[in-house]
Protein backbone atom coordinates (compact mmCIF):
# COMPACT_ATOMS: atom_id res chain seq x y z
CA MET A 1 92.13 -23.54 93.46
CA GLY A 2 91.25 -26.11 96.10
CA ASP A 3 92.64 -28.90 93.94
CA LYS A 4 95.89 -26.99 93.53
CA ILE A 5 96.27 -26.50 97.29
CA LEU A 6 95.50 -30.18 97.87
CA TYR A 7 98.06 -31.17 95.22
CA THR A 8 100.69 -28.90 96.77
CA THR A 9 99.97 -30.28 100.25
CA VAL A 10 100.26 -33.87 99.04
CA LEU A 11 103.48 -33.03 97.19
CA ILE A 12 105.00 -31.40 100.27
CA GLY A 13 103.89 -34.36 102.38
CA CYS A 14 105.54 -36.78 99.95
CA LEU A 15 108.75 -34.74 99.94
CA VAL A 16 108.81 -34.64 103.75
CA GLY A 17 108.13 -38.38 103.81
CA VAL A 18 110.98 -39.04 101.38
CA ILE A 19 113.35 -36.86 103.43
CA VAL A 20 112.36 -38.58 106.67
CA LEU A 21 112.70 -41.99 105.02
CA PHE A 22 116.15 -40.99 103.70
CA PHE A 23 117.32 -39.98 107.18
CA VAL A 24 115.88 -43.13 108.76
CA VAL A 25 117.62 -45.35 106.20
CA SER A 26 120.85 -43.37 106.64
CA ILE A 27 120.69 -43.79 110.43
CA ILE A 28 120.03 -47.52 110.09
CA ARG A 29 122.95 -47.91 107.68
CA TYR A 30 125.20 -45.87 109.93
CA HIS A 31 124.20 -47.95 112.94
CA ARG A 32 124.84 -51.20 111.10
CA ARG A 33 128.22 -49.93 109.92
CA TYR A 34 129.06 -48.81 113.46
CA VAL A 35 128.08 -52.21 114.90
CA ARG A 36 130.14 -53.98 112.23
CA LEU A 37 133.18 -51.77 112.94
CA GLN A 38 132.79 -52.36 116.68
CA ARG A 39 132.61 -56.11 116.12
CA ASP A 40 135.67 -56.02 113.87
CA ARG A 41 137.57 -53.99 116.46
CA LEU A 42 136.66 -56.43 119.23
CA LEU A 43 137.63 -59.38 117.04
CA ALA A 44 141.00 -57.78 116.26
CA GLU A 45 141.70 -57.10 119.94
CA VAL A 46 140.70 -60.61 121.03
CA THR A 47 142.68 -62.18 118.17
CA ILE A 48 145.80 -60.28 119.22
CA LEU A 49 145.23 -61.38 122.82
CA GLU A 50 144.78 -65.03 121.87
CA ASN A 51 147.86 -64.97 119.62
CA GLU A 52 149.92 -63.51 122.48
CA ARG A 53 148.59 -66.18 124.84
CA ARG A 54 149.52 -68.82 122.29
CA ARG A 55 153.04 -67.41 121.97
CA ILE A 56 153.62 -67.24 125.73
CA ALA A 57 152.20 -70.75 126.26
CA GLY A 58 154.53 -72.05 123.53
CA ASP A 59 157.54 -70.35 125.12
CA LEU A 60 156.71 -71.81 128.54
CA HIS A 61 156.20 -75.30 127.15
CA ASP A 62 159.04 -75.43 124.62
CA SER A 63 161.76 -73.33 126.27
CA LEU A 64 161.35 -72.79 129.98
CA GLY A 65 160.00 -76.27 130.77
CA PRO A 66 162.94 -78.24 129.29
CA LEU A 67 165.39 -75.76 130.85
CA LEU A 68 163.99 -76.29 134.34
CA SER A 69 163.99 -80.07 133.84
CA THR A 70 167.66 -79.90 132.82
CA VAL A 71 168.51 -77.83 135.92
CA LYS A 72 166.77 -80.38 138.14
CA LEU A 73 168.60 -83.25 136.41
CA ASN A 74 171.96 -81.54 136.93
CA MET A 75 171.17 -80.88 140.58
CA GLY A 76 170.30 -84.54 141.05
CA SER A 77 173.69 -85.56 139.65
CA ILE A 78 175.60 -83.55 142.27
CA GLU A 79 177.20 -85.81 144.87
CA THR A 80 177.96 -84.50 148.33
CA ASP A 81 178.52 -85.97 151.78
CA ASN A 82 177.59 -82.73 153.51
CA VAL A 83 174.18 -83.16 155.16
CA PHE A 84 173.33 -79.45 154.96
CA GLU A 85 174.23 -79.25 151.27
CA ARG A 86 172.15 -82.35 150.53
CA GLN A 87 169.15 -80.79 152.31
CA VAL A 88 169.55 -77.60 150.29
CA LEU A 89 169.72 -79.58 147.04
CA ASP A 90 166.67 -81.67 147.94
CA LYS A 91 164.68 -78.60 148.94
CA SER A 92 165.70 -76.77 145.78
CA SER A 93 164.67 -79.78 143.70
CA LYS A 94 161.21 -79.71 145.30
CA TYR A 95 160.93 -75.99 144.54
CA ILE A 96 161.74 -76.67 140.90
CA ASP A 97 159.06 -79.38 140.83
CA GLU A 98 156.54 -76.83 142.14
CA ILE A 99 157.65 -74.27 139.57
CA ILE A 100 157.27 -76.80 136.74
CA THR A 101 153.79 -77.78 137.98
CA ASN A 102 152.67 -74.14 138.26
CA MET A 103 154.18 -73.35 134.88
CA ARG A 104 152.25 -76.18 133.24
CA GLU A 105 149.06 -74.92 134.86
CA ILE A 106 149.71 -71.40 133.59
CA SER A 107 150.51 -72.73 130.12
CA TYR A 108 147.27 -74.74 130.12
CA ASN A 109 145.20 -71.73 131.18
CA LEU A 110 146.80 -69.65 128.45
CA LEU A 111 146.08 -72.22 125.75
CA PRO A 112 144.59 -75.69 126.40
CA SER A 113 146.28 -77.97 123.87
CA THR A 114 143.26 -80.30 123.96
CA LEU A 115 141.19 -77.61 122.26
CA ASP A 116 143.37 -77.81 119.15
CA ARG A 117 143.70 -81.59 119.23
CA LYS A 118 140.23 -82.83 120.26
CA GLY A 119 137.83 -79.92 120.08
CA LEU A 120 135.61 -77.90 122.41
CA LEU A 121 133.82 -80.62 124.37
CA GLU A 122 136.97 -82.54 125.33
CA ALA A 123 138.72 -79.28 126.28
CA VAL A 124 135.84 -78.31 128.59
CA LYS A 125 135.82 -81.81 130.13
CA GLU A 126 139.56 -81.60 130.77
CA PHE A 127 139.24 -78.10 132.22
CA ILE A 128 136.51 -79.20 134.62
CA GLY A 129 138.51 -82.33 135.51
CA HIS A 130 141.44 -80.16 136.59
CA LEU A 131 139.21 -78.15 138.91
CA ASN A 132 137.06 -80.87 140.47
CA GLY A 133 138.71 -82.07 143.65
CA THR A 134 140.65 -78.84 144.21
CA ALA A 135 138.03 -76.09 143.73
CA PRO A 136 135.36 -75.51 146.42
CA VAL A 137 132.65 -75.89 143.76
CA ARG A 138 131.49 -79.23 142.40
CA ILE A 139 131.16 -78.80 138.62
CA GLN A 140 129.03 -81.07 136.45
CA LEU A 141 128.96 -80.99 132.65
CA HIS A 142 125.83 -82.05 130.78
CA CYS A 143 126.02 -82.63 127.03
CA TRP A 144 123.34 -84.49 125.11
CA LYS A 145 125.02 -84.90 121.74
CA GLU A 146 128.31 -84.42 119.92
CA ILE A 147 129.29 -80.77 119.57
CA VAL A 148 130.52 -79.70 116.15
CA ILE A 149 131.18 -76.00 115.62
CA PRO A 150 133.54 -73.99 113.39
CA ARG A 151 137.14 -74.09 114.56
CA GLU A 152 137.47 -70.33 114.86
CA LYS A 153 134.51 -70.16 117.28
CA GLU A 154 135.72 -72.87 119.66
CA ILE A 155 138.28 -70.70 121.46
CA HIS A 156 135.68 -68.00 122.17
CA VAL A 157 133.13 -70.46 123.56
CA PHE A 158 135.82 -72.12 125.67
CA ARG A 159 136.94 -68.76 127.08
CA MET A 160 133.34 -67.90 127.95
CA VAL A 161 132.88 -71.17 129.84
CA GLN A 162 136.25 -70.62 131.52
CA GLU A 163 135.25 -67.10 132.60
CA ILE A 164 131.91 -68.26 134.01
CA VAL A 165 133.59 -71.05 135.99
CA HIS A 166 136.26 -68.71 137.38
CA ASN A 167 133.63 -66.12 138.34
CA THR A 168 131.61 -68.81 140.11
CA ILE A 169 134.61 -70.10 142.05
CA LYS A 170 135.87 -66.65 143.05
CA HIS A 171 132.71 -64.74 143.83
CA SER A 172 129.57 -66.86 144.13
CA GLY A 173 130.18 -68.98 147.24
CA ALA A 174 128.34 -71.75 145.38
CA ARG A 175 128.70 -75.44 146.17
CA HIS A 176 127.47 -76.74 142.81
CA LEU A 177 127.73 -75.52 139.24
CA HIS A 178 125.92 -77.21 136.34
CA ILE A 179 127.02 -76.55 132.76
CA GLY A 180 124.92 -77.66 129.80
CA ILE A 181 126.12 -77.54 126.19
CA SER A 182 123.80 -78.39 123.32
CA HIS A 183 123.92 -78.13 119.52
CA GLU A 184 120.45 -77.57 118.09
CA SER A 185 119.09 -76.19 114.79
CA ASN A 186 122.30 -74.52 113.64
CA ARG A 187 122.90 -72.88 116.99
CA LEU A 188 125.02 -73.63 120.02
CA LEU A 189 123.45 -73.28 123.46
CA VAL A 190 125.47 -72.96 126.65
CA MET A 191 123.55 -72.87 129.94
CA THR A 192 124.97 -72.70 133.45
CA LYS A 193 123.35 -72.67 136.86
CA ASP A 194 124.87 -72.37 140.33
CA ASP A 195 123.49 -72.30 143.87
CA GLY A 196 125.58 -69.36 145.04
CA ARG A 197 124.70 -66.06 146.65
CA GLY A 198 123.86 -64.34 143.36
CA PHE A 199 124.43 -60.70 142.49
CA ASP A 200 122.99 -57.64 140.77
CA ALA A 201 124.27 -58.09 137.20
CA GLN A 202 123.82 -54.43 136.18
CA LYS A 203 125.67 -53.07 139.22
CA MET A 204 128.40 -55.66 138.75
CA LYS A 205 128.97 -54.62 135.12
CA GLU A 206 129.26 -50.99 136.17
CA SER A 207 131.87 -51.72 138.84
CA SER A 208 135.55 -52.64 138.44
CA MET A 209 134.67 -56.24 139.35
CA GLY A 210 132.54 -56.50 136.20
CA LEU A 211 135.46 -56.98 133.82
CA GLY A 212 134.63 -60.67 133.49
CA LEU A 213 131.04 -59.91 132.51
CA ARG A 214 132.16 -57.35 129.95
CA SER A 215 134.56 -59.92 128.52
CA LEU A 216 131.66 -62.36 128.15
CA GLU A 217 129.59 -59.71 126.39
CA SER A 218 132.46 -58.88 124.03
CA ARG A 219 132.95 -62.50 122.97
CA ALA A 220 129.18 -62.99 122.57
CA GLU A 221 129.12 -59.92 120.31
CA ILE A 222 132.03 -61.24 118.25
CA LEU A 223 130.11 -64.50 117.74
CA ARG A 224 126.89 -62.58 116.94
CA GLY A 225 125.39 -64.42 119.87
CA ILE A 226 123.03 -63.58 122.72
CA LEU A 227 124.16 -63.54 126.35
CA THR A 228 121.54 -63.48 129.11
CA ILE A 229 122.36 -63.35 132.82
CA GLU A 230 119.72 -64.08 135.43
CA SER A 231 120.76 -63.52 139.02
CA LYS A 232 119.33 -62.22 142.26
CA PRO A 233 120.92 -61.98 145.69
CA GLN A 234 120.70 -65.34 147.49
CA GLU A 235 119.08 -67.03 144.47
CA GLY A 236 122.10 -68.18 142.48
CA THR A 237 123.07 -67.26 138.95
CA ARG A 238 122.11 -68.54 135.51
CA TYR A 239 123.94 -67.80 132.27
CA TYR A 240 122.32 -68.42 128.87
CA ILE A 241 124.44 -68.15 125.73
CA GLU A 242 123.00 -68.68 122.25
CA ILE A 243 125.40 -68.65 119.29
CA PRO A 244 124.32 -69.00 115.65
CA LEU A 245 126.40 -71.49 113.65
């Protein structure tokens, strides 16, 4: 009788164990499927965004730019002896020059052509070169070896660096920003450090001003990477990004 009770108890225990194991495996599978679907959704949204940026940048460069240059050329060919009219033409020509300059800057921010032609490192160097001398932050790039990563990942890494730089310029009050990029053991490492006022990362992500941080997290998730932010008030900010290649 005792053996029968023991056998029944063991059998029930095994059945309960199998049921629990089944539910645990099902939950794990569901979670993995959910994470994969979330990543696919983010990738689709970002891909649509990048394609739209590419289209707008192409329209600005190929259509609007030549049109404005033609207008300026036609204005320069107008001959007049009226001093007021000449002043208006000269002033209008300067306005067109400013529009063309701003348009090129917008086109570059939408899609840096260097990224397609020369790769990630040269695009980041060019981006920093545009900002140094005009931005209140002195930016230094440190790279210890040639960076070679898959083409489809370059745009995401570039956008992450771009977002960090813009956040630093707009919000940190920093005077210096150091950016390190390294390619080690089939992974890409991006590290940044500034001497700004710092912030509470969790509170920032929860506020409307945390859109930039959420964008960084989304791109890191798409790349199956790890994003770490270390920041405290008055102690500057450090970003660590690790991306498997």
